[in-house]
Protein backbone atom coordinates (compact mmCIF):
# COMPACT_ATOMS: atom_id res chain seq x y z
CA UNK A 1 0.00 0.00 0.00
CA UNK A 2 1.30 3.44 -0.90
CA UNK A 3 1.11 5.79 2.02
CA UNK A 4 -0.66 9.10 1.50
CA UNK A 5 0.40 11.92 3.79
CA UNK A 6 3.47 13.64 5.16
CA UNK A 7 6.37 11.38 6.01
CA UNK A 8 8.40 12.23 9.11
CA UNK A 9 11.92 11.22 10.01
CA UNK A 10 12.20 9.69 13.46
CA UNK A 11 15.47 9.27 15.38
CA UNK A 12 15.67 7.51 18.73
CA UNK A 13 18.34 7.46 21.43
CA UNK A 14 18.44 5.62 24.75
CA UNK A 15 20.03 7.85 27.38
CA UNK A 16 20.57 7.84 31.13
CA UNK A 17 19.45 10.51 33.57
CA UNK A 18 22.74 12.45 33.50
CA UNK A 19 22.66 12.55 29.69
CA UNK A 20 19.04 13.70 29.83
CA UNK A 21 19.92 16.61 32.14
CA UNK A 22 22.78 17.66 29.85
CA UNK A 23 20.65 17.44 26.71
CA UNK A 24 17.74 19.31 28.29
CA UNK A 25 20.06 22.09 29.45
CA UNK A 26 21.25 22.60 25.86
CA UNK A 27 17.76 22.36 24.35
CA UNK A 28 15.78 24.68 26.61
CA UNK A 29 17.33 28.02 25.53
CA UNK A 30 16.53 27.36 21.84
CA UNK A 31 13.35 25.27 21.75
CA UNK A 32 9.86 26.04 22.98
CA UNK A 33 7.93 23.84 25.36
CA UNK A 34 5.04 22.14 23.59
CA UNK A 35 1.75 23.92 24.32
CA UNK A 36 0.08 20.67 25.37
CA UNK A 37 2.47 20.13 28.28
CA UNK A 38 1.25 20.81 31.81
CA UNK A 39 2.84 23.29 34.21
CA UNK A 40 5.71 20.93 34.96
CA UNK A 41 6.44 20.58 31.23
CA UNK A 42 5.24 16.98 30.96
CA UNK A 43 2.17 14.89 30.33
CA UNK A 44 1.18 11.25 30.69
CA UNK A 45 0.52 9.19 27.57
CA UNK A 46 -1.31 5.88 27.53
CA UNK A 47 -1.58 3.86 24.33
CA UNK A 48 -3.60 0.68 23.85
CA UNK A 49 -1.86 -1.35 21.14
CA UNK A 50 -3.54 -3.87 18.86
CA UNK A 51 -2.04 -7.09 17.54
CA UNK A 52 -3.31 -10.49 16.44
CA UNK A 53 -2.96 -13.92 18.04
CA UNK A 54 0.24 -14.51 16.05
CA UNK A 55 1.76 -11.22 17.24
CA UNK A 56 2.15 -9.98 13.66
CA UNK A 57 3.09 -6.40 14.62
CA UNK A 58 5.55 -7.59 17.26
CA UNK A 59 7.20 -10.14 14.97
CA UNK A 60 7.54 -7.63 12.13
CA UNK A 61 9.22 -5.17 14.49
CA UNK A 62 11.67 -7.77 15.79
CA UNK A 63 12.31 -9.02 12.27
CA UNK A 64 13.15 -5.57 10.97
CA UNK A 65 10.42 -5.56 8.33
CA UNK A 66 10.86 -2.28 6.46
CA UNK A 67 7.18 -1.58 5.79
CA UNK A 68 4.89 -2.21 8.71
CA UNK A 69 1.94 -0.73 10.57
CA UNK A 70 0.40 -0.62 14.05
CA UNK A 71 -2.98 0.47 15.35
CA UNK A 72 -3.34 2.03 18.78
CA UNK A 73 -5.75 4.04 20.90
CA UNK A 74 -4.18 6.99 22.70
CA UNK A 75 -5.25 9.34 25.49
CA UNK A 76 -3.50 11.77 27.80
CA UNK A 77 -3.33 12.36 31.57
CA UNK A 78 -6.07 9.74 32.12
CA UNK A 79 -8.55 12.15 30.55
CA UNK A 80 -11.13 10.26 28.46
CA UNK A 81 -12.65 13.41 26.93
CA UNK A 82 -10.13 13.30 24.07
CA UNK A 83 -9.25 9.88 22.65
CA UNK A 84 -7.70 9.12 19.29
CA UNK A 85 -7.46 5.98 17.21
CA UNK A 86 -4.12 6.03 15.41
CA UNK A 87 -2.52 4.08 12.60
CA UNK A 88 1.26 4.40 12.60
CA UNK A 89 3.17 3.25 9.54
CA UNK A 90 6.91 2.76 9.15
CA UNK A 91 8.72 2.72 5.81
CA UNK A 92 12.45 2.34 6.33
CA UNK A 93 13.35 5.30 8.60
CA UNK A 94 10.23 7.29 7.72
CA UNK A 95 7.05 7.41 9.77
CA UNK A 96 3.51 8.41 8.95
CA UNK A 97 0.75 8.71 11.53
CA UNK A 98 -2.95 8.99 10.71
CA UNK A 99 -5.55 9.47 13.43
CA UNK A 100 -9.23 9.90 14.14
CA UNK A 101 -10.96 11.22 17.23
CA UNK A 102 -13.37 8.74 18.83
CA UNK A 103 -15.66 9.18 21.81
CA UNK A 104 -15.24 7.42 25.13
CA UNK A 105 -18.40 5.41 24.42
CA UNK A 106 -17.08 4.34 21.01
CA UNK A 107 -13.74 3.43 22.56
CA UNK A 108 -15.33 1.28 25.25
CA UNK A 109 -17.48 -0.51 22.66
CA UNK A 110 -14.42 -1.18 20.51
CA UNK A 111 -12.41 -2.54 23.43
CA UNK A 112 -15.18 -4.95 24.39
CA UNK A 113 -15.67 -6.27 20.88
CA UNK A 114 -18.81 -4.32 19.96
CA UNK A 115 -17.66 -3.05 16.57
CA UNK A 116 -20.75 -2.70 14.34
CA UNK A 117 -20.68 1.08 14.75
CA UNK A 118 -17.27 1.13 13.03
CA UNK A 119 -18.51 -0.18 9.68
CA UNK A 120 -20.04 3.11 8.54
CA UNK A 121 -17.89 5.52 10.54
CA UNK A 122 -16.88 8.76 8.82
CA UNK A 123 -13.20 8.06 9.47
CA UNK A 124 -11.35 5.79 7.06
CA UNK A 125 -8.99 4.74 9.87
CA UNK A 126 -11.90 3.48 11.98
CA UNK A 127 -13.36 1.59 9.03
CA UNK A 128 -9.97 0.07 8.22
CA UNK A 129 -9.46 -1.15 11.78
CA UNK A 130 -12.94 -2.70 11.68
CA UNK A 131 -11.97 -4.65 8.55
CA UNK A 132 -8.68 -5.80 10.06
CA UNK A 133 -10.27 -6.79 13.35
CA UNK A 134 -12.35 -9.17 11.25
CA UNK A 135 -9.82 -10.25 8.61
CA UNK A 136 -6.65 -10.30 10.76
CA UNK A 137 -8.28 -10.76 14.16
CA UNK A 138 -6.61 -7.66 15.61
CA UNK A 139 -7.39 -7.22 19.28
CA UNK A 140 -6.23 -4.86 22.07
CA UNK A 141 -3.16 -6.47 23.63
CA UNK A 142 -1.46 -4.13 26.09
CA UNK A 143 -1.42 -0.61 27.51
CA UNK A 144 1.90 1.20 27.14
CA UNK A 145 2.28 4.18 29.48
CA UNK A 146 5.01 6.79 29.83
CA UNK A 147 5.70 10.39 30.79
CA UNK A 148 6.65 12.74 27.95
CA UNK A 149 8.54 16.03 28.09
CA UNK A 150 8.12 17.70 24.66
CA UNK A 151 9.91 20.56 22.88
CA UNK A 152 9.33 22.06 19.42
CA UNK A 153 11.47 23.98 16.91
CA UNK A 154 9.68 25.67 14.01
CA UNK A 155 12.37 25.30 11.32
CA UNK A 156 12.08 21.81 9.88
CA UNK A 157 9.00 21.19 12.06
CA UNK A 158 11.25 19.56 14.66
CA UNK A 159 9.87 17.91 17.77
CA UNK A 160 12.17 16.64 20.51
CA UNK A 161 10.74 14.53 23.33
CA UNK A 162 12.10 12.85 26.43
CA UNK A 163 10.06 9.76 27.37
CA UNK A 164 10.54 8.29 30.82
CA UNK A 165 8.92 5.82 33.24
CA UNK A 166 7.82 3.45 30.47
CA UNK A 167 5.35 1.00 31.95
CA UNK A 168 3.24 -1.93 30.80
CA UNK A 169 -0.16 -3.27 31.80
CA UNK A 170 0.64 -6.75 30.51
CA UNK A 171 -0.65 -8.51 33.61
CA UNK A 172 -3.68 -6.24 33.92
CA UNK A 173 -6.22 -6.86 31.20
CA UNK A 174 -8.69 -4.06 31.86
CA UNK A 175 -8.41 -1.06 29.55
CA UNK A 176 -9.44 2.58 29.88
CA UNK A 177 -9.39 2.85 33.66
CA UNK A 178 -8.63 5.79 35.91
CA UNK A 179 -6.60 3.57 38.23
CA UNK A 180 -4.17 1.71 35.98
CA UNK A 181 -2.16 -1.10 37.51
CA UNK A 182 1.10 -1.36 35.61
CA UNK A 183 4.75 -2.29 36.05
CA UNK A 184 8.02 -0.89 34.76
CA UNK A 185 9.01 -2.26 31.35
CA UNK A 186 12.64 -1.13 31.61
CA UNK A 187 15.70 -2.92 32.94
CA UNK A 188 17.03 0.38 34.30
CA UNK A 189 14.44 2.70 35.91
CA UNK A 190 16.44 5.82 35.02
CA UNK A 191 16.50 5.00 31.32
CA UNK A 192 15.02 7.71 29.08
CA UNK A 193 14.18 7.62 25.38
CA UNK A 194 15.10 10.73 23.43
CA UNK A 195 13.13 11.06 20.18
CA UNK A 196 13.74 13.58 17.41
CA UNK A 197 11.10 13.95 14.69
CA UNK A 198 11.36 16.24 11.70
CA UNK A 199 10.08 16.67 8.14
CA UNK A 200 12.42 16.94 5.16
CA UNK A 201 15.50 18.27 6.91
CA UNK A 202 16.95 18.59 10.39
CA UNK A 203 18.55 21.99 11.15
CA UNK A 204 22.25 21.89 11.97
CA UNK A 205 21.58 23.60 15.29
CA UNK A 206 19.43 20.62 16.34
CA UNK A 207 22.12 18.15 15.29
CA UNK A 208 24.62 20.04 17.44
CA UNK A 209 22.22 20.08 20.39
CA UNK A 210 21.63 16.33 20.50
CA UNK A 211 25.18 15.23 19.73
CA UNK A 212 26.84 14.15 22.94
CA UNK A 213 29.70 11.75 23.49
CA UNK A 214 28.36 8.27 24.16
CA UNK A 215 24.86 8.86 22.74
CA UNK A 216 24.11 6.93 19.58
CA UNK A 217 21.02 6.45 17.48
CA UNK A 218 19.34 3.07 17.87
CA UNK A 219 16.01 1.40 17.30
CA UNK A 220 13.63 1.33 20.25
CA UNK A 221 10.03 0.15 20.35
CA UNK A 222 7.94 0.94 23.41
CA UNK A 223 5.43 -1.68 22.30
CA UNK A 224 8.20 -4.24 21.87
CA UNK A 225 9.68 -3.49 25.30
CA UNK A 226 6.27 -3.74 26.94
CA UNK A 227 5.63 -7.14 25.30
CA UNK A 228 8.86 -8.69 26.57
CA UNK A 229 7.04 -10.55 29.31
CA UNK A 230 4.71 -12.45 27.02
């Protein structure tokens, strides 16, 4: 399938807390805090990922398949008034994300297998997930939670984020709850994921900001990490 939309480059780095402090100190004078962040500059993200019984999305990630896709439901700060269904596609090192806003009622119906409302939905993403829930048996598999600290830079449409406290609900099968019971998905609690997203080019000033001795670009999948336990 040819992807229609704006491709984004996505670079990922695993860093420790000291490296995070150093990078943040360099970034703050030049980048703006994202408007969606709370007073402390962060917000909580929870994503409910879909996969089939054969773990197709997980296996493709581990196998390094160059063209792959994932569906997820996402909400912020445990606020159910704004929920999105997202389709994220990867093509080599390029990413494309398409989304549709769904209501809390629609989300709860979807998560409990009541999907008839999706067939005629105005959003193509919702209709596509409906088809794949039937043809590929996609089902909600796990909640991935983390705290994000986001910064933006207008030139190149750059977005830099620090994601910490990555947690999984693998042993807790209820979705969309105010009180989420989850566990750390990381081997080292202080580990932080630095992500840099940009459109066609990355400004040299951003390259200089994120270059630090010992930090190297590497693949990292929050979904993959949160599925390590089964």
